[in-house]
C-alpha atoms as a PDB file:
ATOM      1  CA  MET A   1     111.872 -27.281 190.339  1.00  0.00           C
ATOM      2  CA  VAL A   2     111.399 -29.366 187.254  1.00  0.00           C
ATOM      3  CA  SER A   3     114.674 -31.063 186.504  1.00  0.00           C
ATOM      4  CA  VAL A   4     115.890 -31.627 182.614  1.00  0.00           C
ATOM      5  CA  VAL A   5     115.731 -35.276 183.331  1.00  0.00           C
ATOM      6  CA  GLY A   6     112.168 -35.117 184.481  1.00  0.00           C
ATOM      7  CA  LEU A   7     111.028 -33.224 181.338  1.00  0.00           C
ATOM      8  CA  VAL A   8     112.916 -35.683 178.963  1.00  0.00           C
ATOM      9  CA  LEU A   9     111.019 -38.708 180.483  1.00  0.00           C
ATOM     10  CA  PHE A  10     107.922 -36.856 180.562  1.00  0.00           C
ATOM     11  CA  GLY A  11     108.410 -36.388 176.603  1.00  0.00           C
ATOM     12  CA  ALA A  12     109.434 -39.930 176.360  1.00  0.00           C
ATOM     13  CA  VAL A  13     106.193 -41.087 178.159  1.00  0.00           C
ATOM     14  CA  LEU A  14     104.341 -38.933 175.772  1.00  0.00           C
ATOM     15  CA  VAL A  15     106.145 -40.452 172.676  1.00  0.00           C
ATOM     16  CA  ILE A  16     105.478 -43.910 173.848  1.00  0.00           C
ATOM     17  CA  HIS A  17     101.777 -43.440 174.240  1.00  0.00           C
ATOM     18  CA  THR A  18     101.253 -41.701 170.786  1.00  0.00           C
ATOM     19  CA  LEU A  19     102.991 -44.828 169.324  1.00  0.00           C
ATOM     20  CA  LEU A  20     100.802 -47.030 171.305  1.00  0.00           C
ATOM     21  CA  ALA A  21      97.591 -45.320 170.357  1.00  0.00           C
ATOM     22  CA  ALA A  22      98.667 -45.514 166.631  1.00  0.00           C
ATOM     23  CA  VAL A  23      99.500 -49.067 166.801  1.00  0.00           C
ATOM     24  CA  LEU A  24      96.358 -50.057 168.593  1.00  0.00           C
ATOM     25  CA  THR A  25      94.440 -48.067 166.190  1.00  0.00           C
ATOM     26  CA  ARG A  26      96.140 -49.545 163.425  1.00  0.00           C
ATOM     27  CA  PHE A  27      95.160 -53.000 165.085  1.00  0.00           C
ATOM     28  CA  PHE A  28      91.931 -52.237 165.120  1.00  0.00           C
ATOM     29  CA  ARG A  29      91.487 -51.126 161.574  1.00  0.00           C
ATOM     30  CA  LEU A  30      93.079 -54.144 160.463  1.00  0.00           C
ATOM     31  CA  ARG A  31      90.819 -56.531 162.521  1.00  0.00           C
ATOM     32  CA  LEU A  32      87.683 -55.212 162.461  1.00  0.00           C
ATOM     33  CA  LYS A  33      85.746 -55.172 159.122  1.00  0.00           C
ATOM     34  CA  THR A  34      82.919 -52.346 159.700  1.00  0.00           C
ATOM     35  CA  GLN A  35      83.247 -48.663 158.944  1.00  0.00           C
ATOM     36  CA  TRP A  36      82.946 -47.159 162.282  1.00  0.00           C
ATOM     37  CA  GLY A  37      83.758 -50.488 164.151  1.00  0.00           C
ATOM     38  CA  TYR A  38      87.726 -49.526 164.654  1.00  0.00           C
ATOM     39  CA  VAL A  39      86.828 -45.822 165.691  1.00  0.00           C
ATOM     40  CA  ILE A  40      84.273 -47.104 168.531  1.00  0.00           C
ATOM     41  CA  TYR A  41      87.059 -49.612 169.610  1.00  0.00           C
ATOM     42  CA  SER A  42      89.732 -46.751 169.515  1.00  0.00           C
ATOM     43  CA  PHE A  43      87.833 -44.383 171.543  1.00  0.00           C
ATOM     44  CA  VAL A  44      86.819 -46.764 174.082  1.00  0.00           C
ATOM     45  CA  LEU A  45      89.887 -49.207 174.527  1.00  0.00           C
ATOM     46  CA  ILE A  46      92.749 -47.026 174.070  1.00  0.00           C
ATOM     47  CA  PRO A  47      92.183 -44.580 176.861  1.00  0.00           C
ATOM     48  CA  VAL A  48      92.139 -47.523 179.152  1.00  0.00           C
ATOM     49  CA  ALA A  49      95.263 -48.949 178.169  1.00  0.00           C
ATOM     50  CA  LEU A  50      96.881 -45.498 177.951  1.00  0.00           C
ATOM     51  CA  LEU A  51      95.257 -44.760 181.458  1.00  0.00           C
ATOM     52  CA  VAL A  52      96.778 -48.005 182.784  1.00  0.00           C
ATOM     53  CA  THR A  53     100.250 -46.963 181.401  1.00  0.00           C
ATOM     54  CA  THR A  54      99.917 -43.582 182.861  1.00  0.00           C
ATOM     55  CA  LEU A  55      99.007 -45.084 186.247  1.00  0.00           C
ATOM     56  CA  VAL A  56     102.216 -47.170 185.947  1.00  0.00           C
ATOM     57  CA  PHE A  57     104.655 -44.385 184.954  1.00  0.00           C
ATOM     58  CA  PHE A  58     103.561 -41.736 187.379  1.00  0.00           C
ATOM     59  CA  GLY A  59     102.341 -43.720 189.935  1.00  0.00           C
ATOM     60  CA  VAL A  60     104.508 -46.745 190.214  1.00  0.00           C
ATOM     61  CA  LEU A  61     107.659 -45.027 188.666  1.00  0.00           C
ATOM     62  CA  PRO A  62     108.600 -41.712 189.774  1.00  0.00           C
ATOM     63  CA  ILE A  63     108.876 -40.047 186.699  1.00  0.00           C
ATOM     64  CA  GLY A  64     106.213 -37.056 187.395  1.00  0.00           C
ATOM     65  CA  ALA A  65     107.884 -36.165 190.584  1.00  0.00           C
ATOM     66  CA  GLY A  66     108.686 -32.751 190.148  1.00  0.00           C
ATOM     67  CA  LEU A  67     106.209 -31.816 187.268  1.00  0.00           C
ATOM     68  CA  ASP A  68     103.531 -30.479 189.616  1.00  0.00           C
ATOM     69  CA  LEU A  69     100.598 -31.206 187.317  1.00  0.00           C
ATOM     70  CA  GLY A  70      97.197 -31.657 188.609  1.00  0.00           C
ATOM     71  CA  PRO A  71      95.365 -34.877 187.747  1.00  0.00           C
ATOM     72  CA  THR A  72      93.216 -33.308 185.193  1.00  0.00           C
ATOM     73  CA  ALA A  73      96.201 -32.039 183.382  1.00  0.00           C
ATOM     74  CA  LEU A  74      98.141 -34.987 183.873  1.00  0.00           C
ATOM     75  CA  LEU A  75      95.425 -37.025 182.323  1.00  0.00           C
ATOM     76  CA  GLY A  76      94.856 -34.541 179.538  1.00  0.00           C
ATOM     77  CA  ALA A  77      98.602 -34.486 178.444  1.00  0.00           C
ATOM     78  CA  ALA A  78      99.390 -37.947 179.109  1.00  0.00           C
ATOM     79  CA  VAL A  79      96.129 -39.921 177.672  1.00  0.00           C
ATOM     80  CA  GLY A  80      94.069 -37.256 175.543  1.00  0.00           C
ATOM     81  CA  LEU A  81      96.874 -35.647 173.536  1.00  0.00           C
ATOM     82  CA  PRO A  82      98.548 -38.735 172.639  1.00  0.00           C
ATOM     83  CA  LEU A  83      95.030 -40.459 171.875  1.00  0.00           C
ATOM     84  CA  ALA A  84      94.514 -37.379 169.692  1.00  0.00           C
ATOM     85  CA  LEU A  85      97.820 -37.742 168.100  1.00  0.00           C
ATOM     86  CA  GLY A  86      97.932 -41.522 167.477  1.00  0.00           C
ATOM     87  CA  PHE A  87      94.399 -41.483 165.959  1.00  0.00           C
ATOM     88  CA  THR A  88      95.364 -38.927 163.689  1.00  0.00           C
ATOM     89  CA  ILE A  89      98.548 -40.404 162.625  1.00  0.00           C
ATOM     90  CA  ASP A  90      97.163 -43.723 161.790  1.00  0.00           C
ATOM     91  CA  THR A  91      93.853 -42.470 160.012  1.00  0.00           C
ATOM     92  CA  LEU A  92      95.116 -39.675 157.931  1.00  0.00           C
ATOM     93  CA  TYR A  93      99.066 -40.486 157.242  1.00  0.00           C
ATOM     94  CA  VAL A  94      99.077 -44.372 157.093  1.00  0.00           C
ATOM     95  CA  PRO A  95      97.330 -45.830 154.035  1.00  0.00           C
ATOM     96  CA  ALA A  96      94.252 -47.526 154.365  1.00  0.00           C
ATOM     97  CA  PRO A  97      94.508 -51.545 154.749  1.00  0.00           C
ATOM     98  CA  ASP A  98      92.560 -51.954 151.717  1.00  0.00           C
ATOM     99  CA  GLU A  99      95.221 -50.293 149.398  1.00  0.00           C
ATOM    100  CA  TYR A 100      98.030 -52.502 150.093  1.00  0.00           C
ATOM    101  CA  GLU A 101      98.306 -55.440 147.467  1.00  0.00           C
ATOM    102  CA  LEU A 102      99.064 -58.856 149.055  1.00  0.00           C
ATOM    103  CA  PRO A 103     100.355 -61.692 147.245  1.00  0.00           C
ATOM    104  CA  GLU A 104      98.277 -64.683 146.482  1.00  0.00           C
ATOM    105  CA  ARG A 105      98.169 -67.525 148.752  1.00  0.00           C
ATOM    106  CA  ARG A 106      99.316 -70.803 147.265  1.00  0.00           C
ATOM    107  CA  GLY A 107      96.991 -74.053 147.750  1.00  0.00           C
ATOM    108  CA  ASP A 108      99.522 -76.569 148.835  1.00  0.00           C
ATOM    109  CA  GLY A 109      99.727 -75.252 152.419  1.00  0.00           C
ATOM    110  CA  SER A 110     103.171 -73.676 152.345  1.00  0.00           C
END
């Protein structure tokens, strides 16, 4: 039987994973200067980070003890869904890095 605490913790893990995916996508968008570089890095490296945190949350910590999800459903819900949501949030709803106006740098080193 699934408890309310188990469902709330599972929802918290999904929110944390979505936030992590959005932040990592933003990091790759800022650091990589190519058109498709951040997309490739996002779809290769972010699932690895989400898989590691999934193993920590559901393997070491007893968060998913009463959920009775199979391994495929767990990976789909804890890695696939947050990856898609985080990437979509950063790509569609957050302005591109080129749209921000930065102040001019002073030449005296301060």
